[in-house]
Amino acid sequence: MKITGIMVYYYFICQRKLWYFINEIYMEQNSELVQLGKIIDEETYKRETKGILIDDTINVDFIKDGAVLHEVKKTKAIEEAGIWQLKYYMYYLNKKGVKNIKAKIDYPLLRESLNIEIDNEDIKILENIEKNIEEISNIEKPPAKLNSSICKKCAYYDLCYV
């Protein structure tokens, strides 16, 4: 199974959402918040080459100064998921032989950025995450609903609650 960066991101947000995504049930095209995120991505960092797809597996928003991966996020609301998404990119590229990678999450609306680093403990965690994602992909029905405050803004809300 090919594990993508968005799968790692969804793993931290909601494993039910991850299951839907793995099973090709997509709801983002109907979400105004997702559309806003796309506009922010398109309208910021215009000088950068964006959407760098590597091995049809990881999709880096842009790479600057040779080996600094950048991921653009609109808010810090689910920052942990973005951090692990970037750590997964670093982990994936390191497995491919790319060394000394640096990464940043950029929050253009907040005019802030966050440097991301990866260590050996993170690598062990990511190896477990890969196994967990594979297990989620093999279950027959979606995992239980989160019933979290973030659910109300999720593109999958109607699928889970209506």
C-alpha atoms as a PDB file:
ATOM      1  CA  MET A   1       0.000   0.000   0.000  1.00  0.00           C
ATOM      2  CA  LYS A   2       1.251   3.447  -0.929  1.00  0.00           C
ATOM      3  CA  ILE A   3       0.945   5.732   2.118  1.00  0.00           C
ATOM      4  CA  THR A   4       0.653   9.395   1.215  1.00  0.00           C
ATOM      5  CA  GLY A   5       1.264  12.549   3.208  1.00  0.00           C
ATOM      6  CA  ILE A   6      -2.446  13.358   3.259  1.00  0.00           C
ATOM      7  CA  MET A   7      -3.115   9.943   4.798  1.00  0.00           C
ATOM      8  CA  VAL A   8      -0.720  10.756   7.640  1.00  0.00           C
ATOM      9  CA  TYR A   9      -2.429  14.147   8.017  1.00  0.00           C
ATOM     10  CA  TYR A  10      -5.874  12.522   8.195  1.00  0.00           C
ATOM     11  CA  TYR A  11      -4.566   9.875  10.592  1.00  0.00           C
ATOM     12  CA  PHE A  12      -4.000  12.635  13.140  1.00  0.00           C
ATOM     13  CA  ILE A  13      -7.256  14.451  12.422  1.00  0.00           C
ATOM     14  CA  CYS A  14      -9.734  11.575  12.244  1.00  0.00           C
ATOM     15  CA  GLN A  15      -9.230   7.927  11.422  1.00  0.00           C
ATOM     16  CA  ARG A  16     -12.791   7.721  10.095  1.00  0.00           C
ATOM     17  CA  LYS A  17     -11.967  10.479   7.589  1.00  0.00           C
ATOM     18  CA  LEU A  18      -8.805   8.556   6.721  1.00  0.00           C
ATOM     19  CA  TRP A  19     -10.844   5.387   6.104  1.00  0.00           C
ATOM     20  CA  TYR A  20     -13.217   7.277   3.782  1.00  0.00           C
ATOM     21  CA  PHE A  21     -10.248   8.753   1.905  1.00  0.00           C
ATOM     22  CA  ILE A  22      -8.519   5.366   1.531  1.00  0.00           C
ATOM     23  CA  ASN A  23     -11.786   3.939   0.222  1.00  0.00           C
ATOM     24  CA  GLU A  24     -12.050   6.771  -2.337  1.00  0.00           C
ATOM     25  CA  ILE A  25     -15.006   8.514  -0.710  1.00  0.00           C
ATOM     26  CA  TYR A  26     -14.157  12.175  -1.220  1.00  0.00           C
ATOM     27  CA  MET A  27     -16.127  15.063   0.228  1.00  0.00           C
ATOM     28  CA  GLU A  28     -13.585  17.915   0.109  1.00  0.00           C
ATOM     29  CA  GLN A  29     -14.832  19.212  -3.237  1.00  0.00           C
ATOM     30  CA  ASN A  30     -18.017  20.381  -1.455  1.00  0.00           C
ATOM     31  CA  SER A  31     -16.285  22.124   1.462  1.00  0.00           C
ATOM     32  CA  GLU A  32     -16.028  25.909   1.571  1.00  0.00           C
ATOM     33  CA  LEU A  33     -13.159  25.654   4.078  1.00  0.00           C
ATOM     34  CA  VAL A  34     -11.193  23.402   1.723  1.00  0.00           C
ATOM     35  CA  GLN A  35     -11.842  25.872  -1.103  1.00  0.00           C
ATOM     36  CA  LEU A  36     -10.590  28.720   1.110  1.00  0.00           C
ATOM     37  CA  GLY A  37      -7.426  26.737   1.814  1.00  0.00           C
ATOM     38  CA  LYS A  38      -6.872  26.251  -1.916  1.00  0.00           C
ATOM     39  CA  ILE A  39      -7.282  29.979  -2.539  1.00  0.00           C
ATOM     40  CA  ILE A  40      -4.755  30.767   0.202  1.00  0.00           C
ATOM     41  CA  ASP A  41      -2.352  28.257  -1.329  1.00  0.00           C
ATOM     42  CA  GLU A  42      -2.804  29.741  -4.821  1.00  0.00           C
ATOM     43  CA  GLU A  43      -2.565  33.378  -3.737  1.00  0.00           C
ATOM     44  CA  THR A  44       0.487  33.107  -1.473  1.00  0.00           C
ATOM     45  CA  TYR A  45       4.099  32.367  -2.308  1.00  0.00           C
ATOM     46  CA  LYS A  46       3.377  33.022  -5.990  1.00  0.00           C
ATOM     47  CA  ARG A  47       7.059  33.023  -6.920  1.00  0.00           C
ATOM     48  CA  GLU A  48       7.502  29.441  -5.789  1.00  0.00           C
ATOM     49  CA  THR A  49       6.979  26.319  -7.872  1.00  0.00           C
ATOM     50  CA  LYS A  50       4.094  24.659  -6.055  1.00  0.00           C
ATOM     51  CA  GLY A  51       2.572  21.239  -5.729  1.00  0.00           C
ATOM     52  CA  ILE A  52       5.717  19.159  -6.080  1.00  0.00           C
ATOM     53  CA  LEU A  53       4.524  15.565  -6.373  1.00  0.00           C
ATOM     54  CA  ILE A  54       7.167  12.977  -5.546  1.00  0.00           C
ATOM     55  CA  ASP A  55       6.625   9.321  -6.510  1.00  0.00           C
ATOM     56  CA  ASP A  56       2.883   9.987  -6.659  1.00  0.00           C
ATOM     57  CA  THR A  57       3.091   9.681  -2.857  1.00  0.00           C
ATOM     58  CA  ILE A  58       3.990  12.964  -1.220  1.00  0.00           C
ATOM     59  CA  ASN A  59       2.887  16.367  -2.461  1.00  0.00           C
ATOM     60  CA  VAL A  60       5.047  19.165  -1.070  1.00  0.00           C
ATOM     61  CA  ASP A  61       3.514  22.630  -1.305  1.00  0.00           C
ATOM     62  CA  PHE A  62       6.897  24.043  -2.338  1.00  0.00           C
ATOM     63  CA  ILE A  63      10.637  23.560  -1.790  1.00  0.00           C
ATOM     64  CA  LYS A  64      12.898  26.516  -1.137  1.00  0.00           C
ATOM     65  CA  ASP A  65      16.639  26.979  -0.801  1.00  0.00           C
ATOM     66  CA  GLY A  66      17.432  23.534  -2.122  1.00  0.00           C
ATOM     67  CA  ALA A  67      16.108  21.289   0.620  1.00  0.00           C
ATOM     68  CA  VAL A  68      13.594  23.161   2.784  1.00  0.00           C
ATOM     69  CA  LEU A  69      10.150  21.635   2.405  1.00  0.00           C
ATOM     70  CA  HIS A  70       7.249  24.031   2.952  1.00  0.00           C
ATOM     71  CA  GLU A  71       3.659  23.166   3.798  1.00  0.00           C
ATOM     72  CA  VAL A  72       1.109  26.004   3.760  1.00  0.00           C
ATOM     73  CA  LYS A  73      -1.708  25.878   6.318  1.00  0.00           C
ATOM     74  CA  LYS A  74      -4.401  28.458   6.945  1.00  0.00           C
ATOM     75  CA  THR A  75      -4.553  28.069  10.751  1.00  0.00           C
ATOM     76  CA  LYS A  76      -2.911  26.304  13.659  1.00  0.00           C
ATOM     77  CA  ALA A  77      -6.193  24.597  14.595  1.00  0.00           C
ATOM     78  CA  ILE A  78      -4.866  21.130  13.765  1.00  0.00           C
ATOM     79  CA  GLU A  79      -1.171  21.926  13.848  1.00  0.00           C
ATOM     80  CA  GLU A  80      -0.082  18.508  15.109  1.00  0.00           C
ATOM     81  CA  ALA A  81      -1.426  16.856  11.954  1.00  0.00           C
ATOM     82  CA  GLY A  82       0.544  19.284   9.777  1.00  0.00           C
ATOM     83  CA  ILE A  83       3.709  18.689  11.789  1.00  0.00           C
ATOM     84  CA  TRP A  84       3.443  14.920  11.338  1.00  0.00           C
ATOM     85  CA  GLN A  85       2.611  15.318   7.648  1.00  0.00           C
ATOM     86  CA  LEU A  86       5.874  17.196   7.150  1.00  0.00           C
ATOM     87  CA  LYS A  87       7.797  14.739   9.324  1.00  0.00           C
ATOM     88  CA  TYR A  88       6.432  12.004   7.073  1.00  0.00           C
ATOM     89  CA  TYR A  89       7.724  13.866   3.998  1.00  0.00           C
ATOM     90  CA  MET A  90      11.159  14.108   5.631  1.00  0.00           C
ATOM     91  CA  TYR A  91      11.049  10.430   6.647  1.00  0.00           C
ATOM     92  CA  TYR A  92       9.948   9.353   3.155  1.00  0.00           C
ATOM     93  CA  LEU A  93      12.680  11.341   1.417  1.00  0.00           C
ATOM     94  CA  ASN A  94      15.302  10.135   3.898  1.00  0.00           C
ATOM     95  CA  LYS A  95      14.363   6.532   3.023  1.00  0.00           C
ATOM     96  CA  LYS A  96      14.963   7.501  -0.622  1.00  0.00           C
ATOM     97  CA  GLY A  97      18.474   8.692   0.278  1.00  0.00           C
ATOM     98  CA  VAL A  98      17.819  12.432   0.524  1.00  0.00           C
ATOM     99  CA  LYS A  99      19.671  13.637   3.627  1.00  0.00           C
ATOM    100  CA  ASN A 100      19.737  16.841   5.690  1.00  0.00           C
ATOM    101  CA  ILE A 101      16.192  17.851   4.825  1.00  0.00           C
ATOM    102  CA  LYS A 102      14.628  20.768   6.616  1.00  0.00           C
ATOM    103  CA  ALA A 103      10.962  21.649   6.750  1.00  0.00           C
ATOM    104  CA  LYS A 104       8.613  24.492   7.679  1.00  0.00           C
ATOM    105  CA  ILE A 105       4.911  24.972   8.084  1.00  0.00           C
ATOM    106  CA  ASP A 106       3.903  28.392   6.805  1.00  0.00           C
ATOM    107  CA  TYR A 107       0.828  30.199   8.116  1.00  0.00           C
ATOM    108  CA  PRO A 108       0.496  33.135   5.702  1.00  0.00           C
ATOM    109  CA  LEU A 109      -2.658  34.548   7.313  1.00  0.00           C
ATOM    110  CA  LEU A 110      -0.883  34.611  10.685  1.00  0.00           C
ATOM    111  CA  ARG A 111       2.423  35.716   9.153  1.00  0.00           C
ATOM    112  CA  GLU A 112       4.159  32.930  11.050  1.00  0.00           C
ATOM    113  CA  SER A 113       6.125  29.801  10.276  1.00  0.00           C
ATOM    114  CA  LEU A 114       7.206  26.798  12.291  1.00  0.00           C
ATOM    115  CA  ASN A 115      10.454  24.890  11.745  1.00  0.00           C
ATOM    116  CA  ILE A 116      10.009  21.111  11.773  1.00  0.00           C
ATOM    117  CA  GLU A 117      12.692  18.602  12.711  1.00  0.00           C
ATOM    118  CA  ILE A 118      12.702  14.820  12.792  1.00  0.00           C
ATOM    119  CA  ASP A 119      14.588  12.510  15.148  1.00  0.00           C
ATOM    120  CA  ASN A 120      14.950   8.761  15.657  1.00  0.00           C
ATOM    121  CA  GLU A 121      11.937   8.614  17.988  1.00  0.00           C
ATOM    122  CA  ASP A 122       9.807  10.302  15.298  1.00  0.00           C
ATOM    123  CA  ILE A 123      10.955   7.672  12.796  1.00  0.00           C
ATOM    124  CA  LYS A 124       9.769   4.884  15.110  1.00  0.00           C
ATOM    125  CA  ILE A 125       6.432   6.651  15.522  1.00  0.00           C
ATOM    126  CA  LEU A 126       6.085   7.066  11.746  1.00  0.00           C
ATOM    127  CA  GLU A 127       6.828   3.380  11.188  1.00  0.00           C
ATOM    128  CA  ASN A 128       3.970   2.556  13.584  1.00  0.00           C
ATOM    129  CA  ILE A 129       1.711   5.077  11.864  1.00  0.00           C
ATOM    130  CA  GLU A 130       2.357   3.356   8.531  1.00  0.00           C
ATOM    131  CA  LYS A 131       1.328   0.021  10.068  1.00  0.00           C
ATOM    132  CA  ASN A 132      -1.765   1.586  11.645  1.00  0.00           C
ATOM    133  CA  ILE A 133      -2.804   3.180   8.349  1.00  0.00           C
ATOM    134  CA  GLU A 134      -2.476  -0.198   6.625  1.00  0.00           C
ATOM    135  CA  GLU A 135      -4.653  -1.759   9.346  1.00  0.00           C
ATOM    136  CA  ILE A 136      -7.276   0.984   8.922  1.00  0.00           C
ATOM    137  CA  SER A 137      -7.273   0.357   5.174  1.00  0.00           C
ATOM    138  CA  ASN A 138      -8.104  -3.298   5.773  1.00  0.00           C
ATOM    139  CA  ILE A 139     -11.122  -2.866   8.018  1.00  0.00           C
ATOM    140  CA  GLU A 140     -14.533  -3.375   6.461  1.00  0.00           C
ATOM    141  CA  LYS A 141     -16.404  -0.445   8.028  1.00  0.00           C
ATOM    142  CA  PRO A 142     -15.245   3.050   8.987  1.00  0.00           C
ATOM    143  CA  PRO A 143     -13.974   3.590  12.537  1.00  0.00           C
ATOM    144  CA  ALA A 144     -16.232   5.243  15.114  1.00  0.00           C
ATOM    145  CA  LYS A 145     -17.075   8.952  14.903  1.00  0.00           C
ATOM    146  CA  LEU A 146     -14.910  11.338  16.888  1.00  0.00           C
ATOM    147  CA  ASN A 147     -17.687  13.562  18.241  1.00  0.00           C
ATOM    148  CA  SER A 148     -15.152  16.374  18.473  1.00  0.00           C
ATOM    149  CA  SER A 149     -15.527  20.117  18.003  1.00  0.00           C
ATOM    150  CA  ILE A 150     -13.563  19.845  14.745  1.00  0.00           C
ATOM    151  CA  CYS A 151     -16.265  17.593  13.284  1.00  0.00           C
ATOM    152  CA  LYS A 152     -18.598  20.538  12.679  1.00  0.00           C
ATOM    153  CA  LYS A 153     -16.161  22.042  10.163  1.00  0.00           C
ATOM    154  CA  CYS A 154     -15.228  18.766   8.488  1.00  0.00           C
ATOM    155  CA  ALA A 155     -16.063  18.098   4.835  1.00  0.00           C
ATOM    156  CA  TYR A 156     -17.305  14.657   5.926  1.00  0.00           C
ATOM    157  CA  TYR A 157     -19.730  16.003   8.556  1.00  0.00           C
ATOM    158  CA  ASP A 158     -22.866  15.108   6.588  1.00  0.00           C
ATOM    159  CA  LEU A 159     -21.578  11.610   5.944  1.00  0.00           C
ATOM    160  CA  CYS A 160     -20.976  11.021   9.649  1.00  0.00           C
ATOM    161  CA  TYR A 161     -23.874  12.877  11.261  1.00  0.00           C
ATOM    162  CA  VAL A 162     -26.764  13.318   8.828  1.00  0.00           C
END
